[in-house]
Amino acid sequence: MDIMFEIVSRQKFSPEVRVTTVFGEAGGIIGRSDECDWILPDKTKQVSRKHAIITCYNGSFHIEDISTNGTFNSLGRERLPANTPVIVNHGDGFILGEYTIMARLMQQADSYVGAGDDSRALFAESALSLNPIDAMNQEAARRTDEAAQEKAAMLKTIGQLTLERDFLMAQAHERNKGVSLRRK
């Protein structure tokens, strides 16, 4: 399994920037230094010389922020914890300085039954569009669907609790009615 990161911010139009890079299970380093596996040029030095480490263990890819300026989740703009590997899911976006990058998990063609000798990489089954705007819209729709399902489950639970409450209140009302009739 491999992971491809793609720049989806305006820097992708710069001729000096490699727009995508693929990391295998050996992982690699992202930063502005020539020693990095994926070099992100940055004259403003918002991207550290060695900004983030990509690793793969237990069958999952991880990103670890080793920078001074931080690596952020692109949707919530939440800073990733420093020096702590965070699992990378297909479609996750990250901000490193002025760069916004998107992760795409990839499978090797020969990992599929009947794939033969074709070793070209295929995108995971839940692949996002190659168009960054469409991909972000797809990911937002997927997360909206998940949120809607969670909301529906909560509303169902609330509905069940409301019915239970109404039933118990009716029983209590009936019991109280009997008590008040006996007093008169």
Protein backbone atom coordinates (compact mmCIF):
# COMPACT_ATOMS: atom_id res chain seq x y z
CA MET A 1 0.00 0.00 0.00
CA ASP A 2 1.15 3.53 -0.78
CA ILE A 3 -0.07 7.01 0.03
CA MET A 4 -0.01 9.95 -2.35
CA PHE A 5 -0.05 13.53 -1.15
CA GLU A 6 -1.12 16.26 -3.55
CA ILE A 7 -0.85 20.03 -3.17
CA VAL A 8 -4.37 21.46 -3.56
CA SER A 9 -3.55 25.09 -2.71
CA ARG A 10 -2.33 27.78 -5.11
CA GLN A 11 1.30 26.61 -4.88
CA LYS A 12 0.42 23.70 -7.19
CA PHE A 13 0.70 26.18 -10.07
CA SER A 14 4.32 27.01 -9.25
CA PRO A 15 6.78 25.41 -11.71
CA GLU A 16 9.35 24.88 -8.94
CA VAL A 17 7.05 22.67 -6.86
CA ARG A 18 6.45 18.95 -7.30
CA VAL A 19 2.64 18.81 -7.00
CA THR A 20 2.36 15.18 -5.86
CA THR A 21 4.54 12.65 -4.16
CA VAL A 22 4.00 9.03 -3.24
CA PHE A 23 5.28 7.48 -0.03
CA GLY A 24 5.58 3.73 0.33
CA GLU A 25 5.54 1.83 3.59
CA ALA A 26 9.09 3.10 4.27
CA GLY A 27 7.60 6.60 4.73
CA GLY A 28 9.57 9.81 4.39
CA ILE A 29 9.99 13.43 5.40
CA ILE A 30 8.22 16.56 4.15
CA GLY A 31 9.88 19.97 4.50
CA ARG A 32 11.77 22.72 2.73
CA SER A 33 15.24 21.13 3.14
CA ASP A 34 16.96 19.37 0.23
CA GLU A 35 17.31 16.39 2.60
CA CYS A 36 13.53 15.81 2.56
CA ASP A 37 11.74 13.26 0.41
CA TRP A 38 9.17 15.89 -0.61
CA ILE A 39 10.57 19.39 -0.78
CA LEU A 40 8.10 22.27 -0.33
CA PRO A 41 9.97 25.48 -1.16
CA ASP A 42 9.07 28.32 1.21
CA LYS A 43 10.95 31.62 1.30
CA THR A 44 8.84 32.80 4.26
CA LYS A 45 10.07 29.81 6.29
CA GLN A 46 6.58 28.89 7.53
CA VAL A 47 7.44 25.36 6.40
CA SER A 48 10.24 24.00 8.58
CA ARG A 49 13.35 22.43 7.09
CA LYS A 50 11.94 19.12 8.33
CA HIS A 51 8.24 19.74 8.89
CA ALA A 52 6.48 16.36 9.04
CA ILE A 53 7.31 12.67 9.02
CA ILE A 54 5.18 10.13 7.15
CA THR A 55 5.28 6.61 8.60
CA CYS A 56 3.39 3.39 8.06
CA TYR A 57 2.77 0.87 10.80
CA ASN A 58 -0.03 -1.51 11.71
CA GLY A 59 -1.34 -1.13 8.16
CA SER A 60 -2.02 2.61 8.50
CA PHE A 61 -0.16 5.71 7.38
CA HIS A 62 0.58 8.40 9.96
CA ILE A 63 1.72 12.01 9.82
CA GLU A 64 3.81 13.42 12.65
CA ASP A 65 4.36 17.14 13.07
CA ILE A 66 8.02 17.83 13.90
CA SER A 67 7.91 21.53 13.00
CA THR A 68 8.01 24.69 15.05
CA ASN A 69 5.09 26.33 13.18
CA GLY A 70 2.73 23.37 13.32
CA THR A 71 0.79 21.14 10.95
CA PHE A 72 -2.95 21.66 10.83
CA ASN A 73 -6.03 19.68 9.81
CA SER A 74 -7.33 21.52 6.75
CA LEU A 75 -11.05 21.19 7.53
CA GLY A 76 -11.12 22.29 11.16
CA ARG A 77 -7.78 24.08 11.10
CA GLU A 78 -6.93 22.26 14.33
CA ARG A 79 -3.25 21.93 15.07
CA LEU A 80 -1.96 18.37 15.12
CA PRO A 81 -0.23 17.38 18.36
CA ALA A 82 3.52 17.89 18.09
CA ASN A 83 5.75 14.82 17.84
CA THR A 84 2.74 12.49 17.90
CA PRO A 85 1.82 10.28 14.93
CA VAL A 86 -1.75 10.87 13.71
CA ILE A 87 -3.51 8.37 11.41
CA VAL A 88 -4.03 9.65 7.86
CA ASN A 89 -7.29 8.66 6.18
CA HIS A 90 -8.08 8.80 2.48
CA GLY A 91 -9.11 12.37 1.64
CA ASP A 92 -7.63 13.99 4.75
CA GLY A 93 -6.19 17.43 4.18
CA PHE A 94 -3.34 19.12 6.03
CA ILE A 95 -1.87 22.62 6.12
CA LEU A 96 1.90 23.07 6.27
CA GLY A 97 2.76 26.76 6.15
CA GLU A 98 0.96 28.13 3.09
CA TYR A 99 0.59 24.67 1.52
CA THR A 100 -2.60 22.64 1.71
CA ILE A 101 -2.07 18.98 0.83
CA MET A 102 -4.53 16.11 0.44
CA ALA A 103 -3.90 12.43 1.15
CA ARG A 104 -4.96 9.63 -1.20
CA LEU A 105 -4.50 6.04 -0.09
CA MET A 106 -3.49 3.76 -2.95
CA GLN A 107 -3.60 -0.01 -3.43
CA GLN A 108 -1.30 -2.01 -5.66
CA ALA A 109 -3.14 -3.62 -8.58
CA ASP A 110 -1.66 -7.05 -7.82
CA SER A 111 -3.33 -7.03 -4.39
CA TYR A 112 -6.67 -7.66 -6.12
CA VAL A 113 -7.82 -11.17 -7.06
CA GLY A 114 -7.22 -11.82 -10.75
CA ALA A 115 -5.18 -8.66 -11.23
CA GLY A 116 -2.38 -10.55 -12.96
CA ASP A 117 1.00 -8.91 -13.44
CA ASP A 118 -0.34 -5.37 -13.77
CA SER A 119 1.56 -3.45 -11.08
CA ARG A 120 0.04 -0.03 -11.72
CA ALA A 121 -1.27 1.62 -8.58
CA LEU A 122 -5.02 1.95 -8.25
CA PHE A 123 -6.80 4.40 -6.00
CA ALA A 124 -8.63 2.97 -3.04
CA GLU A 125 -12.26 2.09 -3.65
CA SER A 126 -13.46 5.33 -2.06
CA ALA A 127 -11.27 7.46 -4.35
CA LEU A 128 -11.94 11.14 -4.56
CA SER A 129 -11.95 13.13 -7.74
CA LEU A 130 -8.59 14.32 -9.06
CA ASN A 131 -10.08 17.81 -9.23
CA PRO A 132 -9.23 19.29 -5.79
CA ILE A 133 -12.45 21.31 -5.52
CA ASP A 134 -14.60 18.29 -6.44
CA ALA A 135 -12.60 16.13 -4.05
CA MET A 136 -13.16 18.55 -1.17
CA ASN A 137 -16.88 18.67 -2.02
CA GLN A 138 -17.00 14.85 -2.08
CA GLU A 139 -15.30 14.65 1.30
CA ALA A 140 -17.61 17.30 2.77
CA ALA A 141 -20.64 15.38 1.43
CA ARG A 142 -19.33 12.13 2.95
CA ARG A 143 -18.84 13.78 6.32
CA THR A 144 -22.28 15.44 6.06
CA ASP A 145 -23.84 12.00 5.41
CA GLU A 146 -22.07 10.58 8.46
CA ALA A 147 -23.28 13.50 10.59
CA ALA A 148 -26.85 13.03 9.27
CA GLN A 149 -26.75 9.34 10.20
CA GLU A 150 -25.51 10.19 13.69
CA LYS A 151 -28.22 12.82 14.06
CA ALA A 152 -30.91 10.36 12.92
CA ALA A 153 -29.71 7.81 15.48
CA MET A 154 -29.81 10.43 18.24
CA LEU A 155 -33.30 11.59 17.22
CA LYS A 156 -34.50 7.98 17.25
CA THR A 157 -33.12 7.58 20.77
CA ILE A 158 -34.73 10.86 21.85
CA GLY A 159 -38.03 9.71 20.35
CA GLN A 160 -37.86 6.42 22.23
CA LEU A 161 -37.06 8.22 25.49
CA THR A 162 -39.94 10.64 24.92
CA LEU A 163 -42.37 7.75 24.40
CA GLU A 164 -41.08 6.07 27.57
CA ARG A 165 -41.44 9.30 29.55
CA ASP A 166 -45.01 9.85 28.27
CA PHE A 167 -45.95 6.27 29.16
CA LEU A 168 -44.54 6.59 32.68
CA MET A 169 -46.25 9.95 33.17
CA ALA A 170 -49.58 8.46 32.04
CA GLN A 171 -49.14 5.58 34.49
CA ALA A 172 -48.32 8.00 37.30
CA HIS A 173 -51.33 10.15 36.38
CA GLU A 174 -53.60 7.10 36.50
CA ARG A 175 -52.22 6.10 39.90
CA ASN A 176 -52.66 9.65 41.25
CA LYS A 177 -56.24 9.78 39.91
CA GLY A 178 -57.10 6.65 41.88
CA VAL A 179 -55.58 8.11 45.05
CA SER A 180 -57.48 11.41 44.74
CA LEU A 181 -60.82 9.58 44.14
CA ARG A 182 -60.39 7.54 47.34
CA ARG A 183 -59.83 10.68 49.43
CA LYS A 184 -63.13 12.28 48.45
